[in-house]
C-alpha atoms as a PDB file:
ATOM      1  CA  UNK A   1     -15.368 -36.174 -10.367  1.00  0.00           C
ATOM      2  CA  UNK A   2     -17.252 -34.663 -13.330  1.00  0.00           C
ATOM      3  CA  UNK A   3     -20.589 -34.938 -11.517  1.00  0.00           C
ATOM      4  CA  UNK A   4     -19.123 -33.231  -8.468  1.00  0.00           C
ATOM      5  CA  UNK A   5     -17.641 -30.432 -10.572  1.00  0.00           C
ATOM      6  CA  UNK A   6     -20.980 -29.989 -12.353  1.00  0.00           C
ATOM      7  CA  UNK A   7     -22.782 -29.717  -9.016  1.00  0.00           C
ATOM      8  CA  UNK A   8     -20.301 -27.023  -7.927  1.00  0.00           C
ATOM      9  CA  UNK A   9     -20.789 -25.070 -11.150  1.00  0.00           C
ATOM     10  CA  UNK A  10     -24.537 -25.171 -10.539  1.00  0.00           C
ATOM     11  CA  UNK A  11     -24.094 -23.887  -6.993  1.00  0.00           C
ATOM     12  CA  UNK A  12     -25.256 -27.133  -5.368  1.00  0.00           C
ATOM     13  CA  UNK A  13     -22.325 -27.580  -3.006  1.00  0.00           C
ATOM     14  CA  UNK A  14     -24.092 -30.016  -0.722  1.00  0.00           C
ATOM     15  CA  UNK A  15     -24.744 -32.326  -3.657  1.00  0.00           C
ATOM     16  CA  UNK A  16     -21.116 -32.035  -4.765  1.00  0.00           C
ATOM     17  CA  UNK A  17     -19.911 -33.120  -1.322  1.00  0.00           C
ATOM     18  CA  UNK A  18     -22.404 -36.018  -1.304  1.00  0.00           C
ATOM     19  CA  UNK A  19     -21.176 -37.226  -4.681  1.00  0.00           C
ATOM     20  CA  UNK A  20     -17.563 -37.310  -3.446  1.00  0.00           C
ATOM     21  CA  UNK A  21     -18.568 -38.981  -0.171  1.00  0.00           C
ATOM     22  CA  UNK A  22     -20.497 -41.666  -2.043  1.00  0.00           C
ATOM     23  CA  UNK A  23     -17.307 -42.595  -3.839  1.00  0.00           C
ATOM     24  CA  UNK A  24     -15.060 -42.517  -0.763  1.00  0.00           C
ATOM     25  CA  UNK A  25     -15.046 -46.296  -0.218  1.00  0.00           C
ATOM     26  CA  UNK A  26     -14.354 -46.941  -3.879  1.00  0.00           C
ATOM     27  CA  UNK A  27     -11.580 -44.385  -3.879  1.00  0.00           C
ATOM     28  CA  UNK A  28      -9.882 -45.951  -0.853  1.00  0.00           C
ATOM     29  CA  UNK A  29     -10.181 -49.442  -2.364  1.00  0.00           C
ATOM     30  CA  UNK A  30      -8.566 -48.322  -5.603  1.00  0.00           C
ATOM     31  CA  UNK A  31      -5.742 -46.613  -3.711  1.00  0.00           C
ATOM     32  CA  UNK A  32      -5.037 -49.848  -1.827  1.00  0.00           C
ATOM     33  CA  UNK A  33      -5.269 -51.829  -5.038  1.00  0.00           C
ATOM     34  CA  UNK A  34      -2.631 -49.770  -6.889  1.00  0.00           C
ATOM     35  CA  UNK A  35      -0.203 -50.367  -4.026  1.00  0.00           C
ATOM     36  CA  UNK A  36       0.164 -53.909  -5.399  1.00  0.00           C
ATOM     37  CA  UNK A  37       3.409 -54.069  -7.443  1.00  0.00           C
ATOM     38  CA  UNK A  38       1.476 -55.615 -10.327  1.00  0.00           C
ATOM     39  CA  UNK A  39      -0.604 -52.408 -10.582  1.00  0.00           C
ATOM     40  CA  UNK A  40       2.268 -49.983 -10.181  1.00  0.00           C
ATOM     41  CA  UNK A  41       1.922 -48.833 -13.776  1.00  0.00           C
ATOM     42  CA  UNK A  42      -1.532 -47.401 -12.960  1.00  0.00           C
ATOM     43  CA  UNK A  43      -0.489 -45.656  -9.761  1.00  0.00           C
ATOM     44  CA  UNK A  44       0.258 -42.249 -11.336  1.00  0.00           C
ATOM     45  CA  UNK A  45      -3.067 -42.089 -13.152  1.00  0.00           C
ATOM     46  CA  UNK A  46      -5.017 -43.219 -10.083  1.00  0.00           C
ATOM     47  CA  UNK A  47      -3.262 -40.651  -7.872  1.00  0.00           C
ATOM     48  CA  UNK A  48      -4.152 -37.898 -10.339  1.00  0.00           C
ATOM     49  CA  UNK A  49      -7.816 -38.918 -10.284  1.00  0.00           C
ATOM     50  CA  UNK A  50      -7.733 -39.149  -6.489  1.00  0.00           C
ATOM     51  CA  UNK A  51      -6.208 -35.657  -6.221  1.00  0.00           C
ATOM     52  CA  UNK A  52      -8.897 -34.302  -8.513  1.00  0.00           C
ATOM     53  CA  UNK A  53     -11.619 -35.917  -6.388  1.00  0.00           C
ATOM     54  CA  UNK A  54     -10.144 -34.552  -3.187  1.00  0.00           C
ATOM     55  CA  UNK A  55      -9.794 -31.083  -4.702  1.00  0.00           C
ATOM     56  CA  UNK A  56     -13.436 -31.209  -5.752  1.00  0.00           C
ATOM     57  CA  UNK A  57     -14.387 -32.203  -2.210  1.00  0.00           C
ATOM     58  CA  UNK A  58     -12.341 -29.386  -0.645  1.00  0.00           C
ATOM     59  CA  UNK A  59     -13.690 -26.909  -3.178  1.00  0.00           C
ATOM     60  CA  UNK A  60     -17.251 -27.927  -2.413  1.00  0.00           C
ATOM     61  CA  UNK A  61     -16.535 -27.601   1.307  1.00  0.00           C
ATOM     62  CA  UNK A  62     -15.182 -24.052   0.943  1.00  0.00           C
ATOM     63  CA  UNK A  63     -18.121 -23.060  -1.256  1.00  0.00           C
ATOM     64  CA  UNK A  64     -20.528 -24.483   1.335  1.00  0.00           C
ATOM     65  CA  UNK A  65     -18.891 -22.351   4.033  1.00  0.00           C
ATOM     66  CA  UNK A  66     -19.187 -19.280   1.821  1.00  0.00           C
ATOM     67  CA  UNK A  67     -22.841 -20.038   1.118  1.00  0.00           C
ATOM     68  CA  UNK A  68     -23.515 -20.705   4.796  1.00  0.00           C
ATOM     69  CA  UNK A  69     -21.739 -17.502   5.845  1.00  0.00           C
ATOM     70  CA  UNK A  70     -23.884 -15.431   3.477  1.00  0.00           C
ATOM     71  CA  UNK A  71     -27.049 -17.077   4.769  1.00  0.00           C
ATOM     72  CA  UNK A  72     -26.091 -16.410   8.391  1.00  0.00           C
ATOM     73  CA  UNK A  73     -25.264 -12.812   7.551  1.00  0.00           C
ATOM     74  CA  UNK A  74     -28.744 -12.341   6.093  1.00  0.00           C
ATOM     75  CA  UNK A  75     -30.296 -14.017   9.135  1.00  0.00           C
ATOM     76  CA  UNK A  76     -28.378 -11.676  11.440  1.00  0.00           C
ATOM     77  CA  UNK A  77     -30.841  -8.912  10.561  1.00  0.00           C
ATOM     78  CA  UNK A  78     -33.211 -10.563  13.007  1.00  0.00           C
ATOM     79  CA  UNK A  79     -30.694 -12.382  15.227  1.00  0.00           C
ATOM     80  CA  UNK A  80     -27.533 -10.618  16.430  1.00  0.00           C
ATOM     81  CA  UNK A  81     -25.839 -13.872  17.438  1.00  0.00           C
ATOM     82  CA  UNK A  82     -25.875 -14.963  13.809  1.00  0.00           C
ATOM     83  CA  UNK A  83     -23.402 -12.173  13.003  1.00  0.00           C
ATOM     84  CA  UNK A  84     -20.543 -13.797  14.892  1.00  0.00           C
ATOM     85  CA  UNK A  85     -21.534 -17.256  13.697  1.00  0.00           C
ATOM     86  CA  UNK A  86     -21.330 -15.919  10.155  1.00  0.00           C
ATOM     87  CA  UNK A  87     -17.864 -14.475  10.810  1.00  0.00           C
ATOM     88  CA  UNK A  88     -16.642 -17.759  12.283  1.00  0.00           C
ATOM     89  CA  UNK A  89     -18.008 -19.675   9.303  1.00  0.00           C
ATOM     90  CA  UNK A  90     -16.333 -17.366   6.825  1.00  0.00           C
ATOM     91  CA  UNK A  91     -13.037 -17.473   8.767  1.00  0.00           C
ATOM     92  CA  UNK A  92     -13.157 -21.262   8.634  1.00  0.00           C
ATOM     93  CA  UNK A  93     -13.623 -21.026   4.891  1.00  0.00           C
ATOM     94  CA  UNK A  94     -10.545 -18.783   4.574  1.00  0.00           C
ATOM     95  CA  UNK A  95      -8.461 -21.195   6.656  1.00  0.00           C
ATOM     96  CA  UNK A  96      -9.654 -24.107   4.521  1.00  0.00           C
ATOM     97  CA  UNK A  97      -8.725 -22.260   1.321  1.00  0.00           C
ATOM     98  CA  UNK A  98      -5.242 -21.480   2.603  1.00  0.00           C
ATOM     99  CA  UNK A  99      -4.658 -24.962   4.017  1.00  0.00           C
ATOM    100  CA  UNK A 100      -5.898 -26.778   0.903  1.00  0.00           C
ATOM    101  CA  UNK A 101      -4.375 -24.232  -1.504  1.00  0.00           C
ATOM    102  CA  UNK A 102      -7.712 -23.735  -3.217  1.00  0.00           C
ATOM    103  CA  UNK A 103      -8.300 -21.116  -5.952  1.00  0.00           C
ATOM    104  CA  UNK A 104      -7.700 -17.635  -4.541  1.00  0.00           C
ATOM    105  CA  UNK A 105     -10.995 -16.264  -5.873  1.00  0.00           C
ATOM    106  CA  UNK A 106     -12.950 -18.265  -3.271  1.00  0.00           C
ATOM    107  CA  UNK A 107     -10.772 -16.900  -0.474  1.00  0.00           C
ATOM    108  CA  UNK A 108     -11.190 -13.389  -1.916  1.00  0.00           C
ATOM    109  CA  UNK A 109     -14.978 -13.639  -1.834  1.00  0.00           C
ATOM    110  CA  UNK A 110     -14.955 -15.068   1.698  1.00  0.00           C
ATOM    111  CA  UNK A 111     -12.819 -12.141   2.870  1.00  0.00           C
ATOM    112  CA  UNK A 112     -15.065  -9.630   1.123  1.00  0.00           C
ATOM    113  CA  UNK A 113     -18.065 -11.079   2.953  1.00  0.00           C
ATOM    114  CA  UNK A 114     -16.189 -10.704   6.232  1.00  0.00           C
ATOM    115  CA  UNK A 115     -15.368  -7.101   5.348  1.00  0.00           C
ATOM    116  CA  UNK A 116     -19.026  -6.401   4.689  1.00  0.00           C
ATOM    117  CA  UNK A 117     -20.030  -7.748   8.104  1.00  0.00           C
ATOM    118  CA  UNK A 118     -17.359  -5.712   9.874  1.00  0.00           C
ATOM    119  CA  UNK A 119     -18.182  -2.495   8.027  1.00  0.00           C
ATOM    120  CA  UNK A 120     -21.939  -2.567   7.437  1.00  0.00           C
ATOM    121  CA  UNK A 121     -23.197  -4.559  10.418  1.00  0.00           C
ATOM    122  CA  UNK A 122     -20.635  -4.226  13.217  1.00  0.00           C
ATOM    123  CA  UNK A 123     -19.487  -0.745  12.083  1.00  0.00           C
ATOM    124  CA  UNK A 124     -15.801  -1.435  12.800  1.00  0.00           C
ATOM    125  CA  UNK A 125     -13.581   0.207  10.217  1.00  0.00           C
ATOM    126  CA  UNK A 126     -10.170  -1.285  11.003  1.00  0.00           C
ATOM    127  CA  UNK A 127     -11.023  -5.009  10.769  1.00  0.00           C
ATOM    128  CA  UNK A 128     -13.259  -4.206   7.789  1.00  0.00           C
ATOM    129  CA  UNK A 129     -10.346  -2.578   5.972  1.00  0.00           C
ATOM    130  CA  UNK A 130      -8.025  -5.508   6.739  1.00  0.00           C
ATOM    131  CA  UNK A 131     -10.551  -7.996   5.360  1.00  0.00           C
ATOM    132  CA  UNK A 132     -11.321  -5.923   2.274  1.00  0.00           C
ATOM    133  CA  UNK A 133      -7.630  -5.275   1.604  1.00  0.00           C
ATOM    134  CA  UNK A 134      -6.833  -8.998   1.864  1.00  0.00           C
ATOM    135  CA  UNK A 135      -9.756  -9.719  -0.465  1.00  0.00           C
ATOM    136  CA  UNK A 136      -8.444  -7.350  -3.128  1.00  0.00           C
ATOM    137  CA  UNK A 137      -4.924  -8.788  -2.835  1.00  0.00           C
ATOM    138  CA  UNK A 138      -6.265 -12.315  -3.324  1.00  0.00           C
ATOM    139  CA  UNK A 139      -8.291 -11.211  -6.334  1.00  0.00           C
ATOM    140  CA  UNK A 140      -5.286  -9.496  -7.908  1.00  0.00           C
ATOM    141  CA  UNK A 141      -3.312 -12.729  -7.552  1.00  0.00           C
ATOM    142  CA  UNK A 142      -5.833 -14.510  -9.788  1.00  0.00           C
ATOM    143  CA  UNK A 143      -5.469 -14.638 -13.586  1.00  0.00           C
ATOM    144  CA  UNK A 144      -9.106 -13.655 -14.161  1.00  0.00           C
ATOM    145  CA  UNK A 145     -10.726 -10.276 -13.571  1.00  0.00           C
ATOM    146  CA  UNK A 146     -13.559  -9.720 -11.098  1.00  0.00           C
ATOM    147  CA  UNK A 147     -14.587  -6.159 -11.990  1.00  0.00           C
ATOM    148  CA  UNK A 148     -18.162  -7.300 -12.693  1.00  0.00           C
ATOM    149  CA  UNK A 149     -18.544  -9.077  -9.345  1.00  0.00           C
ATOM    150  CA  UNK A 150     -20.257  -7.154  -6.570  1.00  0.00           C
ATOM    151  CA  UNK A 151     -18.070  -8.652  -3.843  1.00  0.00           C
ATOM    152  CA  UNK A 152     -14.926  -7.404  -5.624  1.00  0.00           C
ATOM    153  CA  UNK A 153     -16.304  -3.931  -6.381  1.00  0.00           C
ATOM    154  CA  UNK A 154     -17.386  -3.612  -2.742  1.00  0.00           C
ATOM    155  CA  UNK A 155     -13.917  -4.569  -1.465  1.00  0.00           C
ATOM    156  CA  UNK A 156     -12.056  -2.418  -4.005  1.00  0.00           C
ATOM    157  CA  UNK A 157     -14.226   0.645  -3.326  1.00  0.00           C
ATOM    158  CA  UNK A 158     -13.767   0.262   0.430  1.00  0.00           C
ATOM    159  CA  UNK A 159      -9.965  -0.029   0.103  1.00  0.00           C
ATOM    160  CA  UNK A 160      -9.731   2.978  -2.222  1.00  0.00           C
ATOM    161  CA  UNK A 161     -11.934   5.073   0.059  1.00  0.00           C
ATOM    162  CA  UNK A 162      -9.798   4.199   3.088  1.00  0.00           C
ATOM    163  CA  UNK A 163      -6.530   4.914   1.285  1.00  0.00           C
ATOM    164  CA  UNK A 164      -7.836   8.226  -0.067  1.00  0.00           C
ATOM    165  CA  UNK A 165      -8.916   9.247   3.428  1.00  0.00           C
ATOM    166  CA  UNK A 166      -5.499   8.249   4.780  1.00  0.00           C
ATOM    167  CA  UNK A 167      -3.717  10.250   2.074  1.00  0.00           C
ATOM    168  CA  UNK A 168      -5.943  13.277   2.780  1.00  0.00           C
ATOM    169  CA  UNK A 169      -5.200  13.042   6.507  1.00  0.00           C
ATOM    170  CA  UNK A 170      -1.467  12.793   5.884  1.00  0.00           C
ATOM    171  CA  UNK A 171      -1.644  15.816   3.580  1.00  0.00           C
ATOM    172  CA  UNK A 172      -3.607  17.762   6.210  1.00  0.00           C
ATOM    173  CA  UNK A 173      -0.961  16.970   8.828  1.00  0.00           C
ATOM    174  CA  UNK A 174       1.797  17.993   6.424  1.00  0.00           C
ATOM    175  CA  UNK A 175      -0.006  21.266   5.691  1.00  0.00           C
ATOM    176  CA  UNK A 176      -0.333  21.936   9.423  1.00  0.00           C
ATOM    177  CA  UNK A 177       3.395  21.324   9.903  1.00  0.00           C
ATOM    178  CA  UNK A 178       4.280  23.525   6.909  1.00  0.00           C
ATOM    179  CA  UNK A 179       2.026  26.299   8.195  1.00  0.00           C
ATOM    180  CA  UNK A 180       3.636  26.170  11.637  1.00  0.00           C
ATOM    181  CA  UNK A 181       7.121  26.223  10.095  1.00  0.00           C
ATOM    182  CA  UNK A 182       6.276  29.157   7.824  1.00  0.00           C
ATOM    183  CA  UNK A 183       4.878  31.043  10.799  1.00  0.00           C
ATOM    184  CA  UNK A 184       7.970  30.435  12.909  1.00  0.00           C
ATOM    185  CA  UNK A 185      10.234  31.439  10.001  1.00  0.00           C
ATOM    186  CA  UNK A 186       8.172  34.476   8.926  1.00  0.00           C
ATOM    187  CA  UNK A 187      10.685  37.039  10.196  1.00  0.00           C
ATOM    188  CA  UNK A 188      13.742  35.282   8.756  1.00  0.00           C
ATOM    189  CA  UNK A 189      12.053  34.667   5.409  1.00  0.00           C
ATOM    190  CA  UNK A 190      10.960  38.317   5.202  1.00  0.00           C
ATOM    191  CA  UNK A 191      14.547  39.442   5.827  1.00  0.00           C
ATOM    192  CA  UNK A 192      15.847  36.971   3.281  1.00  0.00           C
ATOM    193  CA  UNK A 193      13.292  38.162   0.719  1.00  0.00           C
ATOM    194  CA  UNK A 194      14.264  41.777   1.282  1.00  0.00           C
ATOM    195  CA  UNK A 195      17.986  41.104   1.055  1.00  0.00           C
ATOM    196  CA  UNK A 196      17.425  39.113  -2.145  1.00  0.00           C
ATOM    197  CA  UNK A 197      16.647  42.366  -3.974  1.00  0.00           C
ATOM    198  CA  UNK A 198      20.030  43.859  -3.135  1.00  0.00           C
ATOM    199  CA  UNK A 199      23.462  43.075  -4.533  1.00  0.00           C
ATOM    200  CA  UNK A 200      25.127  39.687  -4.433  1.00  0.00           C
ATOM    201  CA  UNK A 201      27.737  40.978  -1.993  1.00  0.00           C
ATOM    202  CA  UNK A 202      25.030  41.876   0.557  1.00  0.00           C
ATOM    203  CA  UNK A 203      23.300  38.533   0.083  1.00  0.00           C
ATOM    204  CA  UNK A 204      26.476  36.498   0.571  1.00  0.00           C
ATOM    205  CA  UNK A 205      27.512  38.563   3.578  1.00  0.00           C
ATOM    206  CA  UNK A 206      24.064  38.134   5.192  1.00  0.00           C
ATOM    207  CA  UNK A 207      23.941  34.376   4.576  1.00  0.00           C
ATOM    208  CA  UNK A 208      27.468  33.611   5.786  1.00  0.00           C
ATOM    209  CA  UNK A 209      27.083  35.851   8.862  1.00  0.00           C
ATOM    210  CA  UNK A 210      23.589  34.710   9.878  1.00  0.00           C
ATOM    211  CA  UNK A 211      24.030  31.024   8.983  1.00  0.00           C
ATOM    212  CA  UNK A 212      27.739  30.313   9.371  1.00  0.00           C
ATOM    213  CA  UNK A 213      29.091  27.222   7.649  1.00  0.00           C
ATOM    214  CA  UNK A 214      32.348  25.957   6.225  1.00  0.00           C
ATOM    215  CA  UNK A 215      32.714  28.967   3.897  1.00  0.00           C
ATOM    216  CA  UNK A 216      33.385  32.458   5.232  1.00  0.00           C
ATOM    217  CA  UNK A 217      32.541  35.670   3.396  1.00  0.00           C
ATOM    218  CA  UNK A 218      35.472  37.284   1.623  1.00  0.00           C
ATOM    219  CA  UNK A 219      35.013  40.740   0.100  1.00  0.00           C
ATOM    220  CA  UNK A 220      36.380  41.195  -3.402  1.00  0.00           C
ATOM    221  CA  UNK A 221      39.773  42.878  -3.458  1.00  0.00           C
ATOM    222  CA  UNK A 222      41.016  43.893  -6.934  1.00  0.00           C
ATOM    223  CA  UNK A 223      44.599  43.881  -5.746  1.00  0.00           C
ATOM    224  CA  UNK A 224      44.368  40.481  -4.095  1.00  0.00           C
ATOM    225  CA  UNK A 225      41.999  38.537  -6.374  1.00  0.00           C
ATOM    226  CA  UNK A 226      42.864  37.811  -9.973  1.00  0.00           C
ATOM    227  CA  UNK A 227      39.225  37.407 -11.055  1.00  0.00           C
ATOM    228  CA  UNK A 228      36.858  40.326 -11.474  1.00  0.00           C
ATOM    229  CA  UNK A 229      34.152  41.101  -8.907  1.00  0.00           C
ATOM    230  CA  UNK A 230      31.425  39.098 -10.650  1.00  0.00           C
ATOM    231  CA  UNK A 231      33.568  35.988 -11.067  1.00  0.00           C
ATOM    232  CA  UNK A 232      34.828  36.252  -7.486  1.00  0.00           C
ATOM    233  CA  UNK A 233      31.335  36.363  -5.963  1.00  0.00           C
ATOM    234  CA  UNK A 234      29.957  33.690  -8.256  1.00  0.00           C
ATOM    235  CA  UNK A 235      32.795  31.365  -7.212  1.00  0.00           C
ATOM    236  CA  UNK A 236      32.133  32.150  -3.544  1.00  0.00           C
ATOM    237  CA  UNK A 237      28.392  31.632  -4.104  1.00  0.00           C
ATOM    238  CA  UNK A 238      29.013  28.148  -5.520  1.00  0.00           C
ATOM    239  CA  UNK A 239      30.988  27.185  -2.411  1.00  0.00           C
ATOM    240  CA  UNK A 240      28.280  28.516  -0.085  1.00  0.00           C
ATOM    241  CA  UNK A 241      25.528  26.742  -1.997  1.00  0.00           C
ATOM    242  CA  UNK A 242      27.007  23.348  -1.089  1.00  0.00           C
ATOM    243  CA  UNK A 243      26.340  24.080   2.601  1.00  0.00           C
ATOM    244  CA  UNK A 244      22.617  24.390   1.946  1.00  0.00           C
ATOM    245  CA  UNK A 245      22.200  21.723  -0.732  1.00  0.00           C
ATOM    246  CA  UNK A 246      19.388  19.179   0.040  1.00  0.00           C
ATOM    247  CA  UNK A 247      21.946  16.342   0.059  1.00  0.00           C
ATOM    248  CA  UNK A 248      23.609  17.974   3.055  1.00  0.00           C
ATOM    249  CA  UNK A 249      20.412  18.609   5.021  1.00  0.00           C
ATOM    250  CA  UNK A 250      18.857  15.114   5.149  1.00  0.00           C
ATOM    251  CA  UNK A 251      19.384  14.850   8.919  1.00  0.00           C
ATOM    252  CA  UNK A 252      18.111  18.347   9.672  1.00  0.00           C
ATOM    253  CA  UNK A 253      14.676  19.198  11.075  1.00  0.00           C
ATOM    254  CA  UNK A 254      11.814  20.153   8.689  1.00  0.00           C
ATOM    255  CA  UNK A 255      12.184  23.765   9.842  1.00  0.00           C
ATOM    256  CA  UNK A 256      15.884  23.914   8.992  1.00  0.00           C
ATOM    257  CA  UNK A 257      15.257  22.160   5.663  1.00  0.00           C
ATOM    258  CA  UNK A 258      12.632  24.753   4.774  1.00  0.00           C
ATOM    259  CA  UNK A 259      14.964  27.629   5.684  1.00  0.00           C
ATOM    260  CA  UNK A 260      17.916  26.160   3.785  1.00  0.00           C
ATOM    261  CA  UNK A 261      15.700  25.553   0.779  1.00  0.00           C
ATOM    262  CA  UNK A 262      14.692  29.239   0.728  1.00  0.00           C
ATOM    263  CA  UNK A 263      18.347  30.275   1.018  1.00  0.00           C
ATOM    264  CA  UNK A 264      19.202  27.951  -1.867  1.00  0.00           C
ATOM    265  CA  UNK A 265      16.451  29.522  -4.008  1.00  0.00           C
ATOM    266  CA  UNK A 266      17.824  33.027  -3.387  1.00  0.00           C
ATOM    267  CA  UNK A 267      21.420  32.037  -4.102  1.00  0.00           C
ATOM    268  CA  UNK A 268      20.466  30.019  -7.192  1.00  0.00           C
ATOM    269  CA  UNK A 269      18.560  33.020  -8.502  1.00  0.00           C
ATOM    270  CA  UNK A 270      21.782  35.019  -8.543  1.00  0.00           C
ATOM    271  CA  UNK A 271      23.659  32.133 -10.122  1.00  0.00           C
ATOM    272  CA  UNK A 272      21.094  31.639 -12.918  1.00  0.00           C
ATOM    273  CA  UNK A 273      20.324  35.241 -13.734  1.00  0.00           C
ATOM    274  CA  UNK A 274      23.677  36.833 -13.014  1.00  0.00           C
ATOM    275  CA  UNK A 275      22.526  39.452 -10.502  1.00  0.00           C
ATOM    276  CA  UNK A 276      25.727  41.110  -9.423  1.00  0.00           C
ATOM    277  CA  UNK A 277      24.910  44.738  -8.709  1.00  0.00           C
ATOM    278  CA  UNK A 278      27.262  46.222  -6.140  1.00  0.00           C
ATOM    279  CA  UNK A 279      26.207  47.763  -2.824  1.00  0.00           C
END
């Protein structure tokens, strides 16, 4: 087991596999031997050693696939068929890692190599991103950091570049939608802006008439209303504001939300700064 682990640490994965294979017969004999009731006391220790040997063998196998995949990728410069052989080899390594529950860092490096082939050789962005993204996720699941490893930096940079491009595209689309909405609302917003500089009575009358809701406009009547004009219109304004509050517009279209937001800004301005000049 120690010799196999040493061979792996030195990068000699073929030798590691040979060492484990050489001890296969002995390992099977010992496993049969501990099945005897007289040896039951040793069974736990023997099983632990056997598991360690098997893990070393699986680890060496995955490392061999990684090494072979890299070699095939380098050979693909002169032989296009080697590209797909390299991908198949690396995929097999990923499957082996997942099936044997090997350390995630090996799987992460295998996936990064696949991402490199997809992006730099085959020039296919989508599968490259999927491989690189999976590589980064595997690396993040490991307790150690890989910031100094080229395969990790390559995968991380590729993922960040893709996500930044996606965010920029989404922002561009949002800006296009906002521009179209502003253009379609230009006349209404201009009227709203102009009316905002008049008295609160004119503003409330315009809003309730143009955008009818649950609250109707009611002109202040000193004989009818106990409150003064300012208090009357501020109370009415508060009722109208609820019609255009964001919580009440969640199901509306972006255009309506934009319009209602502008109405809310105008009404809130009167509420905050006490604009109550009469017409």
